[in-house]
């Protein structure tokens, strides 16, 4: 039997569709931490986030055979988790959405450079926590989960331009926050 730990996510999904519990465990071990962080940023409640991650993997288990490969397995799972989190948020409180300004050009340095220069994880977490949920999620998916704007827009259900705008504004806010803290 081939070692599913060495297989890509697509192979794991195919195996999961055939009822392979080891493939499911491997997929879970590979992605549960990232999904947990992603959902927890939305809900800010670790217990609720854990429920959403559990529900997400249950849906992956039951719907693996319907995965069509139009996106990566990871993007598919993050989309499932996002939808479940949005549903949970809708049940808890009304959502207010504002229109982003998509005409702003992005000329700020990359967040990896900002984070490298600070060398202080506590300050970075504090500054990330000051961002709006939408900005923090976009930054996290782009730079910590290494997703493309297209993948993030698919997960978030908004245009790539909206994601670019969110990341642009988030980077400006992060730079301001980190440079302000650095001078103290």
N, C-alpha and C. Protein backbone atom coordinates (compact mmCIF):
# COMPACT_ATOMS: atom_id res chain seq x y z
N UNK A 1 0.84 -1.19 0.00
CA UNK A 1 0.00 0.00 0.00
C UNK A 1 0.89 1.25 0.00
N UNK A 2 0.57 2.19 -0.86
CA UNK A 2 1.35 3.42 -0.97
C UNK A 2 1.13 4.26 0.29
N UNK A 3 2.16 5.02 0.64
CA UNK A 3 2.09 5.87 1.82
C UNK A 3 1.36 7.16 1.47
N UNK A 4 0.14 7.39 2.00
CA UNK A 4 -0.61 8.60 1.64
C UNK A 4 0.05 9.87 2.14
N UNK A 5 0.98 9.78 3.11
CA UNK A 5 1.68 10.96 3.58
C UNK A 5 2.49 11.59 2.47
N UNK A 6 2.89 10.79 1.48
CA UNK A 6 3.70 11.31 0.39
C UNK A 6 2.84 11.75 -0.78
N UNK A 7 1.55 11.42 -0.76
CA UNK A 7 0.67 11.79 -1.86
C UNK A 7 0.25 13.24 -1.77
N UNK A 8 -0.17 13.78 -2.92
CA UNK A 8 -0.68 15.14 -2.87
C UNK A 8 -2.13 15.10 -2.40
N UNK A 9 -2.68 16.28 -2.15
CA UNK A 9 -4.03 16.36 -1.61
C UNK A 9 -5.06 15.76 -2.57
N UNK A 10 -4.83 15.89 -3.87
CA UNK A 10 -5.75 15.32 -4.86
C UNK A 10 -5.86 13.81 -4.73
N UNK A 11 -4.73 13.17 -4.53
CA UNK A 11 -4.73 11.71 -4.34
C UNK A 11 -5.43 11.36 -3.04
N UNK A 12 -5.17 12.15 -2.01
CA UNK A 12 -5.83 11.89 -0.72
C UNK A 12 -7.34 11.99 -0.86
N UNK A 13 -7.83 13.01 -1.57
CA UNK A 13 -9.28 13.16 -1.76
C UNK A 13 -9.85 11.97 -2.52
N UNK A 14 -9.14 11.50 -3.53
CA UNK A 14 -9.61 10.32 -4.27
C UNK A 14 -9.71 9.12 -3.33
N UNK A 15 -8.72 8.96 -2.47
CA UNK A 15 -8.74 7.85 -1.52
C UNK A 15 -9.84 8.02 -0.47
N UNK A 16 -10.05 9.26 -0.03
CA UNK A 16 -11.11 9.54 0.94
C UNK A 16 -12.46 9.21 0.32
N UNK A 17 -12.64 9.53 -0.95
CA UNK A 17 -13.90 9.24 -1.64
C UNK A 17 -14.19 7.74 -1.65
N UNK A 18 -13.13 6.93 -1.53
CA UNK A 18 -13.29 5.47 -1.48
C UNK A 18 -13.34 4.95 -0.05
N UNK A 19 -13.42 5.87 0.93
CA UNK A 19 -13.56 5.47 2.33
C UNK A 19 -12.26 5.23 3.07
N UNK A 20 -11.15 5.73 2.56
CA UNK A 20 -9.83 5.52 3.18
C UNK A 20 -9.65 6.44 4.38
N UNK A 21 -9.73 5.87 5.58
CA UNK A 21 -9.63 6.64 6.81
C UNK A 21 -8.22 7.17 7.04
N UNK A 22 -7.21 6.43 6.62
CA UNK A 22 -5.83 6.90 6.77
C UNK A 22 -5.59 8.14 5.91
N UNK A 23 -6.14 8.16 4.71
CA UNK A 23 -6.02 9.34 3.85
C UNK A 23 -6.72 10.53 4.51
N UNK A 24 -7.87 10.29 5.13
CA UNK A 24 -8.59 11.37 5.82
C UNK A 24 -7.77 11.90 6.97
N UNK A 25 -7.17 11.00 7.72
CA UNK A 25 -6.33 11.42 8.85
C UNK A 25 -5.15 12.24 8.36
N UNK A 26 -4.55 11.81 7.26
CA UNK A 26 -3.41 12.53 6.69
C UNK A 26 -3.82 13.93 6.26
N UNK A 27 -4.95 14.03 5.58
CA UNK A 27 -5.45 15.34 5.14
C UNK A 27 -5.74 16.22 6.34
N UNK A 28 -6.34 15.63 7.37
CA UNK A 28 -6.64 16.37 8.59
C UNK A 28 -5.35 16.89 9.23
N UNK A 29 -4.37 16.03 9.37
CA UNK A 29 -3.10 16.43 9.99
C UNK A 29 -2.41 17.52 9.18
N UNK A 30 -2.56 17.47 7.88
CA UNK A 30 -1.93 18.45 7.00
C UNK A 30 -2.58 19.83 7.09
N UNK A 31 -3.89 19.88 7.26
CA UNK A 31 -4.60 21.14 7.10
C UNK A 31 -5.39 21.63 8.32
N UNK A 32 -5.52 20.83 9.35
CA UNK A 32 -6.38 21.25 10.47
C UNK A 32 -5.87 22.49 11.17
N UNK A 33 -4.57 22.63 11.35
CA UNK A 33 -4.04 23.80 12.06
C UNK A 33 -4.33 25.08 11.27
N UNK A 34 -4.09 25.05 9.97
CA UNK A 34 -4.37 26.22 9.14
C UNK A 34 -5.84 26.58 9.11
N UNK A 35 -6.69 25.55 8.99
CA UNK A 35 -8.13 25.79 9.00
C UNK A 35 -8.59 26.34 10.36
N UNK A 36 -8.03 25.80 11.43
CA UNK A 36 -8.40 26.28 12.78
C UNK A 36 -8.04 27.75 12.94
N UNK A 37 -6.84 28.12 12.53
CA UNK A 37 -6.42 29.52 12.64
C UNK A 37 -7.31 30.42 11.79
N UNK A 38 -7.60 29.98 10.59
CA UNK A 38 -8.46 30.74 9.67
C UNK A 38 -9.84 30.96 10.26
N UNK A 39 -10.47 29.92 10.75
CA UNK A 39 -11.82 30.02 11.30
C UNK A 39 -11.82 30.81 12.61
N UNK A 40 -10.80 30.59 13.43
CA UNK A 40 -10.74 31.30 14.71
C UNK A 40 -10.59 32.80 14.50
N UNK A 41 -9.88 33.20 13.43
CA UNK A 41 -9.77 34.63 13.14
C UNK A 41 -11.13 35.22 12.80
N UNK A 42 -11.97 34.45 12.17
CA UNK A 42 -13.31 34.93 11.82
C UNK A 42 -14.21 34.98 13.04
N UNK A 43 -14.19 33.93 13.83
CA UNK A 43 -15.15 33.80 14.93
C UNK A 43 -14.63 34.34 16.25
N UNK A 44 -13.32 34.34 16.40
CA UNK A 44 -12.68 34.76 17.67
C UNK A 44 -13.24 33.99 18.86
N UNK A 45 -13.48 32.73 18.60
CA UNK A 45 -13.99 31.83 19.64
C UNK A 45 -13.44 30.44 19.32
N UNK A 46 -12.43 29.99 20.07
CA UNK A 46 -11.79 28.71 19.76
C UNK A 46 -12.74 27.51 19.80
N UNK A 47 -13.72 27.54 20.66
CA UNK A 47 -14.66 26.42 20.75
C UNK A 47 -15.53 26.37 19.49
N UNK A 48 -16.06 27.52 19.09
CA UNK A 48 -16.86 27.59 17.86
C UNK A 48 -15.99 27.23 16.66
N UNK A 49 -14.75 27.71 16.65
CA UNK A 49 -13.84 27.42 15.54
C UNK A 49 -13.59 25.92 15.44
N UNK A 50 -13.38 25.28 16.57
CA UNK A 50 -13.15 23.83 16.56
C UNK A 50 -14.36 23.09 16.00
N UNK A 51 -15.56 23.56 16.34
CA UNK A 51 -16.78 22.96 15.79
C UNK A 51 -16.83 23.11 14.28
N UNK A 52 -16.49 24.30 13.80
CA UNK A 52 -16.52 24.55 12.36
C UNK A 52 -15.49 23.68 11.64
N UNK A 53 -14.30 23.56 12.20
CA UNK A 53 -13.27 22.72 11.58
C UNK A 53 -13.74 21.27 11.54
N UNK A 54 -14.33 20.81 12.63
CA UNK A 54 -14.86 19.44 12.67
C UNK A 54 -15.92 19.26 11.58
N UNK A 55 -16.86 20.22 11.51
CA UNK A 55 -17.91 20.14 10.50
C UNK A 55 -17.33 20.18 9.08
N UNK A 56 -16.28 20.96 8.90
CA UNK A 56 -15.63 21.05 7.59
C UNK A 56 -15.06 19.70 7.19
N UNK A 57 -14.36 19.05 8.10
CA UNK A 57 -13.78 17.75 7.76
C UNK A 57 -14.84 16.67 7.61
N UNK A 58 -15.94 16.82 8.33
CA UNK A 58 -17.06 15.88 8.12
C UNK A 58 -17.61 16.04 6.71
N UNK A 59 -17.72 17.28 6.25
CA UNK A 59 -18.21 17.52 4.89
C UNK A 59 -17.20 17.02 3.86
N UNK A 60 -15.92 17.21 4.13
CA UNK A 60 -14.89 16.68 3.22
C UNK A 60 -15.05 15.17 3.12
N UNK A 61 -15.25 14.51 4.24
CA UNK A 61 -15.40 13.05 4.27
C UNK A 61 -16.62 12.61 3.45
N UNK A 62 -17.73 13.31 3.65
CA UNK A 62 -18.97 12.87 2.99
C UNK A 62 -19.07 13.33 1.54
N UNK A 63 -18.35 14.39 1.17
CA UNK A 63 -18.48 14.92 -0.19
C UNK A 63 -17.21 14.82 -1.02
N UNK A 64 -16.26 14.02 -0.56
CA UNK A 64 -14.99 13.88 -1.30
C UNK A 64 -15.23 13.41 -2.73
N UNK A 65 -16.21 12.56 -2.92
CA UNK A 65 -16.47 12.04 -4.26
C UNK A 65 -17.04 13.12 -5.19
N UNK A 66 -17.57 14.20 -4.62
CA UNK A 66 -18.11 15.27 -5.46
C UNK A 66 -17.07 16.35 -5.77
N UNK A 67 -15.86 16.24 -5.20
CA UNK A 67 -14.80 17.22 -5.49
C UNK A 67 -14.44 17.12 -6.97
N UNK A 68 -14.54 18.25 -7.67
CA UNK A 68 -14.36 18.25 -9.11
C UNK A 68 -13.00 18.76 -9.56
N UNK A 69 -12.18 19.24 -8.66
CA UNK A 69 -10.84 19.67 -9.02
C UNK A 69 -10.76 21.02 -9.71
N UNK A 70 -11.82 21.83 -9.61
CA UNK A 70 -11.77 23.17 -10.21
C UNK A 70 -10.89 24.12 -9.42
N UNK A 71 -10.57 23.75 -8.20
CA UNK A 71 -9.64 24.50 -7.35
C UNK A 71 -8.77 23.47 -6.65
N UNK A 72 -7.82 23.93 -5.87
CA UNK A 72 -7.02 22.99 -5.10
C UNK A 72 -7.89 22.41 -3.98
N UNK A 73 -7.50 21.27 -3.46
CA UNK A 73 -8.23 20.66 -2.34
C UNK A 73 -8.22 21.62 -1.16
N UNK A 74 -7.07 22.26 -0.93
CA UNK A 74 -6.96 23.19 0.19
C UNK A 74 -7.93 24.35 0.03
N UNK A 75 -8.01 24.94 -1.16
CA UNK A 75 -8.95 26.04 -1.40
C UNK A 75 -10.39 25.57 -1.19
N UNK A 76 -10.69 24.37 -1.66
CA UNK A 76 -12.02 23.79 -1.49
C UNK A 76 -12.36 23.68 0.00
N UNK A 77 -11.43 23.16 0.78
CA UNK A 77 -11.67 23.00 2.22
C UNK A 77 -11.82 24.36 2.91
N UNK A 78 -10.96 25.32 2.55
CA UNK A 78 -11.06 26.65 3.14
C UNK A 78 -12.39 27.30 2.77
N UNK A 79 -12.87 27.05 1.55
CA UNK A 79 -14.18 27.59 1.14
C UNK A 79 -15.30 26.98 1.97
N UNK A 80 -15.22 25.69 2.19
CA UNK A 80 -16.22 25.02 3.04
C UNK A 80 -16.20 25.64 4.44
N UNK A 81 -14.99 25.79 5.00
CA UNK A 81 -14.86 26.35 6.35
C UNK A 81 -15.36 27.79 6.39
N UNK A 82 -15.03 28.56 5.37
CA UNK A 82 -15.49 29.95 5.31
C UNK A 82 -17.01 30.00 5.29
N UNK A 83 -17.63 29.19 4.46
CA UNK A 83 -19.09 29.20 4.37
C UNK A 83 -19.73 28.81 5.69
N UNK A 84 -19.16 27.82 6.35
CA UNK A 84 -19.70 27.41 7.64
C UNK A 84 -19.52 28.51 8.69
N UNK A 85 -18.38 29.19 8.66
CA UNK A 85 -18.14 30.29 9.60
C UNK A 85 -19.09 31.45 9.33
N UNK A 86 -19.29 31.77 8.06
CA UNK A 86 -20.21 32.85 7.71
C UNK A 86 -21.62 32.52 8.18
N UNK A 87 -22.04 31.27 7.97
CA UNK A 87 -23.36 30.86 8.45
C UNK A 87 -23.47 31.03 9.95
N UNK A 88 -22.42 30.65 10.67
CA UNK A 88 -22.42 30.77 12.13
C UNK A 88 -22.49 32.23 12.54
N UNK A 89 -21.72 33.09 11.85
CA UNK A 89 -21.72 34.52 12.16
C UNK A 89 -23.10 35.11 11.89
N UNK A 90 -23.71 34.72 10.79
CA UNK A 90 -25.05 35.22 10.44
C UNK A 90 -26.06 34.86 11.52
N UNK A 91 -25.91 33.69 12.09
CA UNK A 91 -26.83 33.28 13.15
C UNK A 91 -26.62 34.11 14.41
N UNK A 92 -25.38 34.56 14.63
CA UNK A 92 -25.07 35.29 15.85
C UNK A 92 -25.31 36.79 15.76
N UNK A 93 -25.05 37.40 14.60
CA UNK A 93 -25.20 38.85 14.46
C UNK A 93 -25.31 39.23 13.00
N UNK A 94 -25.95 40.36 12.73
CA UNK A 94 -26.04 40.82 11.34
C UNK A 94 -24.66 41.27 10.83
N UNK A 95 -24.43 41.09 9.55
CA UNK A 95 -23.15 41.43 8.94
C UNK A 95 -23.29 42.75 8.20
N UNK A 96 -22.33 43.67 8.41
CA UNK A 96 -22.32 44.93 7.69
C UNK A 96 -21.14 44.91 6.73
N UNK A 97 -21.42 45.19 5.46
CA UNK A 97 -20.38 45.14 4.43
C UNK A 97 -20.26 46.51 3.80
N UNK A 98 -19.01 46.99 3.67
CA UNK A 98 -18.78 48.25 2.97
C UNK A 98 -18.02 47.96 1.69
N UNK A 99 -18.17 48.85 0.74
CA UNK A 99 -17.52 48.68 -0.55
C UNK A 99 -16.07 49.13 -0.47
N UNK A 100 -15.11 48.29 -0.88
CA UNK A 100 -13.70 48.69 -0.87
C UNK A 100 -13.37 49.57 -2.08
N UNK A 101 -12.33 50.36 -1.94
CA UNK A 101 -11.84 51.18 -3.04
C UNK A 101 -10.82 50.35 -3.82
N UNK A 102 -11.21 49.86 -4.99
CA UNK A 102 -10.36 48.97 -5.77
C UNK A 102 -9.45 49.72 -6.73
N UNK A 103 -9.40 51.05 -6.66
CA UNK A 103 -8.59 51.82 -7.59
C UNK A 103 -7.22 52.17 -7.04
N UNK A 104 -6.92 51.79 -5.82
CA UNK A 104 -5.65 52.15 -5.19
C UNK A 104 -4.56 51.17 -5.62
N UNK A 105 -3.44 51.72 -6.06
CA UNK A 105 -2.30 50.89 -6.47
C UNK A 105 -1.53 50.44 -5.24
N UNK A 106 -0.99 49.24 -5.30
CA UNK A 106 -0.25 48.66 -4.18
C UNK A 106 1.25 48.93 -4.36
N UNK A 107 1.79 49.85 -3.54
CA UNK A 107 3.21 50.18 -3.63
C UNK A 107 3.92 49.94 -2.30
N UNK A 108 3.29 49.26 -1.38
CA UNK A 108 3.88 49.03 -0.07
C UNK A 108 4.76 47.79 -0.08
N UNK A 109 5.71 47.70 0.87
CA UNK A 109 6.56 46.51 0.94
C UNK A 109 5.76 45.27 1.30
N UNK A 110 6.31 44.12 1.02
CA UNK A 110 5.66 42.86 1.32
C UNK A 110 5.60 42.64 2.84
N UNK A 111 4.50 42.05 3.34
CA UNK A 111 4.38 41.79 4.78
C UNK A 111 5.51 40.93 5.34
N UNK A 112 6.04 39.99 4.52
CA UNK A 112 7.14 39.16 5.02
C UNK A 112 8.32 40.04 5.44
N UNK A 113 8.58 41.08 4.66
CA UNK A 113 9.67 41.99 4.96
C UNK A 113 9.38 42.78 6.23
N UNK A 114 8.15 43.21 6.37
CA UNK A 114 7.75 43.96 7.56
C UNK A 114 7.95 43.08 8.80
N UNK A 115 7.46 41.85 8.71
CA UNK A 115 7.54 40.93 9.84
C UNK A 115 8.99 40.58 10.16
N UNK A 116 9.81 40.35 9.11
CA UNK A 116 11.23 40.07 9.30
C UNK A 116 11.90 41.20 10.07
N UNK A 117 11.59 42.44 9.70
CA UNK A 117 12.24 43.60 10.31
C UNK A 117 11.84 43.82 11.75
N UNK A 118 10.68 43.41 12.15
CA UNK A 118 10.25 43.66 13.52
C UNK A 118 10.87 42.69 14.53
N UNK A 119 11.03 41.42 14.13
CA UNK A 119 11.58 40.37 14.98
C UNK A 119 10.89 40.32 16.35
N UNK A 120 9.64 40.65 16.37
CA UNK A 120 8.91 40.63 17.63
C UNK A 120 7.51 40.11 17.36
N UNK A 121 7.32 38.81 17.56
CA UNK A 121 6.05 38.16 17.23
C UNK A 121 4.89 38.76 18.02
N UNK A 122 5.13 39.19 19.22
CA UNK A 122 4.07 39.77 20.04
C UNK A 122 3.54 41.06 19.41
N UNK A 123 4.43 41.92 18.94
CA UNK A 123 4.01 43.17 18.29
C UNK A 123 3.26 42.87 17.01
N UNK A 124 3.74 41.89 16.27
CA UNK A 124 3.08 41.54 15.01
C UNK A 124 1.67 41.04 15.30
N UNK A 125 1.51 40.16 16.29
CA UNK A 125 0.18 39.66 16.65
C UNK A 125 -0.73 40.81 17.08
N UNK A 126 -0.19 41.73 17.85
CA UNK A 126 -0.98 42.88 18.29
C UNK A 126 -1.43 43.71 17.10
N UNK A 127 -0.52 43.96 16.17
CA UNK A 127 -0.85 44.75 14.99
C UNK A 127 -1.83 44.00 14.09
N UNK A 128 -1.65 42.70 13.93
CA UNK A 128 -2.60 41.91 13.14
C UNK A 128 -3.98 41.95 13.78
N UNK A 129 -4.01 41.92 15.10
CA UNK A 129 -5.28 41.96 15.82
C UNK A 129 -6.01 43.28 15.66
N UNK A 130 -5.29 44.34 15.29
CA UNK A 130 -5.90 45.65 15.10
C UNK A 130 -6.57 45.79 13.73
N UNK A 131 -6.29 44.87 12.81
CA UNK A 131 -6.88 44.91 11.48
C UNK A 131 -8.35 44.49 11.54
N UNK A 132 -9.09 44.87 10.53
CA UNK A 132 -10.47 44.37 10.43
C UNK A 132 -10.40 42.87 10.16
N UNK A 133 -11.47 42.17 10.43
CA UNK A 133 -11.48 40.73 10.18
C UNK A 133 -11.15 40.43 8.72
N UNK A 134 -11.75 41.15 7.80
CA UNK A 134 -11.53 40.90 6.38
C UNK A 134 -10.06 41.11 5.99
N UNK A 135 -9.44 42.16 6.52
CA UNK A 135 -8.04 42.42 6.22
C UNK A 135 -7.13 41.36 6.83
N UNK A 136 -7.38 41.01 8.09
CA UNK A 136 -6.55 40.02 8.77
C UNK A 136 -6.65 38.66 8.08
N UNK A 137 -7.83 38.30 7.66
CA UNK A 137 -8.00 37.01 6.98
C UNK A 137 -7.28 37.02 5.64
N UNK A 138 -7.41 38.12 4.89
CA UNK A 138 -6.72 38.21 3.59
C UNK A 138 -5.21 38.12 3.77
N UNK A 139 -4.67 38.83 4.74
CA UNK A 139 -3.22 38.80 5.00
C UNK A 139 -2.80 37.40 5.43
N UNK A 140 -3.55 36.80 6.32
CA UNK A 140 -3.21 35.46 6.82
C UNK A 140 -3.21 34.44 5.69
N UNK A 141 -4.23 34.45 4.86
CA UNK A 141 -4.30 33.49 3.77
C UNK A 141 -3.19 33.74 2.74
N UNK A 142 -2.92 35.00 2.45
CA UNK A 142 -1.91 35.32 1.44
C UNK A 142 -0.49 35.01 1.92
N UNK A 143 -0.17 35.39 3.14
CA UNK A 143 1.22 35.34 3.55
C UNK A 143 1.56 34.23 4.54
N UNK A 144 0.58 33.70 5.23
CA UNK A 144 0.85 32.60 6.14
C UNK A 144 0.39 31.27 5.57
N UNK A 145 -0.64 31.30 4.73
CA UNK A 145 -1.11 30.08 4.07
C UNK A 145 -0.64 30.03 2.62
N UNK A 146 0.07 31.07 2.17
CA UNK A 146 0.68 31.12 0.84
C UNK A 146 -0.33 30.89 -0.29
N UNK A 147 -1.49 31.53 -0.16
CA UNK A 147 -2.52 31.41 -1.19
C UNK A 147 -2.44 32.58 -2.15
N UNK A 148 -2.89 32.36 -3.37
CA UNK A 148 -2.92 33.41 -4.38
C UNK A 148 -4.15 34.29 -4.15
N UNK A 149 -4.15 35.47 -4.77
CA UNK A 149 -5.31 36.34 -4.68
C UNK A 149 -6.53 35.63 -5.23
N UNK A 150 -6.35 34.87 -6.31
CA UNK A 150 -7.48 34.15 -6.91
C UNK A 150 -8.06 33.13 -5.92
N UNK A 151 -7.19 32.38 -5.24
CA UNK A 151 -7.67 31.41 -4.26
C UNK A 151 -8.41 32.11 -3.12
N UNK A 152 -7.84 33.21 -2.65
CA UNK A 152 -8.46 33.94 -1.54
C UNK A 152 -9.81 34.50 -1.97
N UNK A 153 -9.87 35.05 -3.19
CA UNK A 153 -11.14 35.61 -3.65
C UNK A 153 -12.20 34.52 -3.77
N UNK A 154 -11.78 33.33 -4.17
CA UNK A 154 -12.71 32.21 -4.26
C UNK A 154 -13.22 31.82 -2.88
N UNK A 155 -12.33 31.76 -1.92
CA UNK A 155 -12.70 31.40 -0.55
C UNK A 155 -13.60 32.46 0.07
N UNK A 156 -13.24 33.72 -0.13
CA UNK A 156 -13.98 34.82 0.49
C UNK A 156 -15.24 35.21 -0.27
N UNK A 157 -15.36 34.75 -1.51
CA UNK A 157 -16.54 35.06 -2.30
C UNK A 157 -16.59 36.50 -2.76
N UNK A 158 -15.42 37.11 -2.98
CA UNK A 158 -15.33 38.49 -3.47
C UNK A 158 -14.36 38.52 -4.64
N UNK A 159 -14.27 39.64 -5.32
CA UNK A 159 -13.38 39.75 -6.48
C UNK A 159 -11.91 39.80 -6.06
N UNK A 160 -11.03 39.47 -7.02
CA UNK A 160 -9.59 39.58 -6.75
C UNK A 160 -9.22 41.02 -6.41
N UNK A 161 -9.87 41.98 -7.06
CA UNK A 161 -9.60 43.38 -6.77
C UNK A 161 -9.91 43.74 -5.32
N UNK A 162 -10.97 43.18 -4.81
CA UNK A 162 -11.32 43.41 -3.40
C UNK A 162 -10.24 42.85 -2.49
N UNK A 163 -9.75 41.66 -2.82
CA UNK A 163 -8.68 41.05 -2.02
C UNK A 163 -7.42 41.91 -2.10
N UNK A 164 -7.07 42.38 -3.28
CA UNK A 164 -5.89 43.24 -3.43
C UNK A 164 -6.04 44.50 -2.59
N UNK A 165 -7.23 45.07 -2.60
CA UNK A 165 -7.48 46.28 -1.82
C UNK A 165 -7.37 45.99 -0.33
N UNK A 166 -7.96 44.89 0.11
CA UNK A 166 -7.87 44.53 1.53
C UNK A 166 -6.42 44.36 1.95
N UNK A 167 -5.65 43.67 1.13
CA UNK A 167 -4.24 43.43 1.47
C UNK A 167 -3.46 44.73 1.43
N UNK A 168 -3.73 45.60 0.45
CA UNK A 168 -3.07 46.89 0.36
C UNK A 168 -3.28 47.69 1.65
N UNK A 169 -4.54 47.83 2.05
CA UNK A 169 -4.84 48.60 3.25
C UNK A 169 -4.28 47.92 4.50
N UNK A 170 -4.35 46.61 4.56
CA UNK A 170 -3.81 45.89 5.72
C UNK A 170 -2.31 46.10 5.83
N UNK A 171 -1.61 46.06 4.72
CA UNK A 171 -0.15 46.26 4.76
C UNK A 171 0.19 47.68 5.22
N UNK A 172 -0.59 48.67 4.76
CA UNK A 172 -0.35 50.04 5.21
C UNK A 172 -0.57 50.15 6.72
N UNK A 173 -1.66 49.56 7.20
CA UNK A 173 -1.94 49.60 8.63
C UNK A 173 -0.89 48.86 9.44
N UNK A 174 -0.44 47.72 8.92
CA UNK A 174 0.61 46.97 9.61
C UNK A 174 1.91 47.78 9.68
N UNK A 175 2.26 48.39 8.56
CA UNK A 175 3.49 49.22 8.55
C UNK A 175 3.39 50.34 9.56
N UNK A 176 2.25 51.02 9.58
CA UNK A 176 2.06 52.12 10.52
C UNK A 176 2.13 51.62 11.96
N UNK A 177 1.43 50.56 12.24
CA UNK A 177 1.40 50.00 13.60
C UNK A 177 2.79 49.54 14.04
N UNK A 178 3.49 48.84 13.16
CA UNK A 178 4.80 48.32 13.53
C UNK A 178 5.84 49.42 13.65
N UNK A 179 5.77 50.42 12.80
CA UNK A 179 6.73 51.52 12.91
C UNK A 179 6.44 52.38 14.14
N UNK A 180 5.17 52.54 14.49
CA UNK A 180 4.78 53.30 15.69
C UNK A 180 5.29 52.58 16.93
N UNK A 181 5.08 51.25 16.99
CA UNK A 181 5.55 50.47 18.14
C UNK A 181 7.07 50.48 18.24
N UNK A 182 7.74 50.48 17.11
CA UNK A 182 9.20 50.41 17.08
C UNK A 182 9.81 51.68 17.66
N UNK A 183 9.13 52.81 17.49
CA UNK A 183 9.68 54.08 17.97
C UNK A 183 9.46 54.26 19.47
N UNK A 184 8.63 53.44 20.08
CA UNK A 184 8.38 53.54 21.54
C UNK A 184 9.46 52.92 22.35
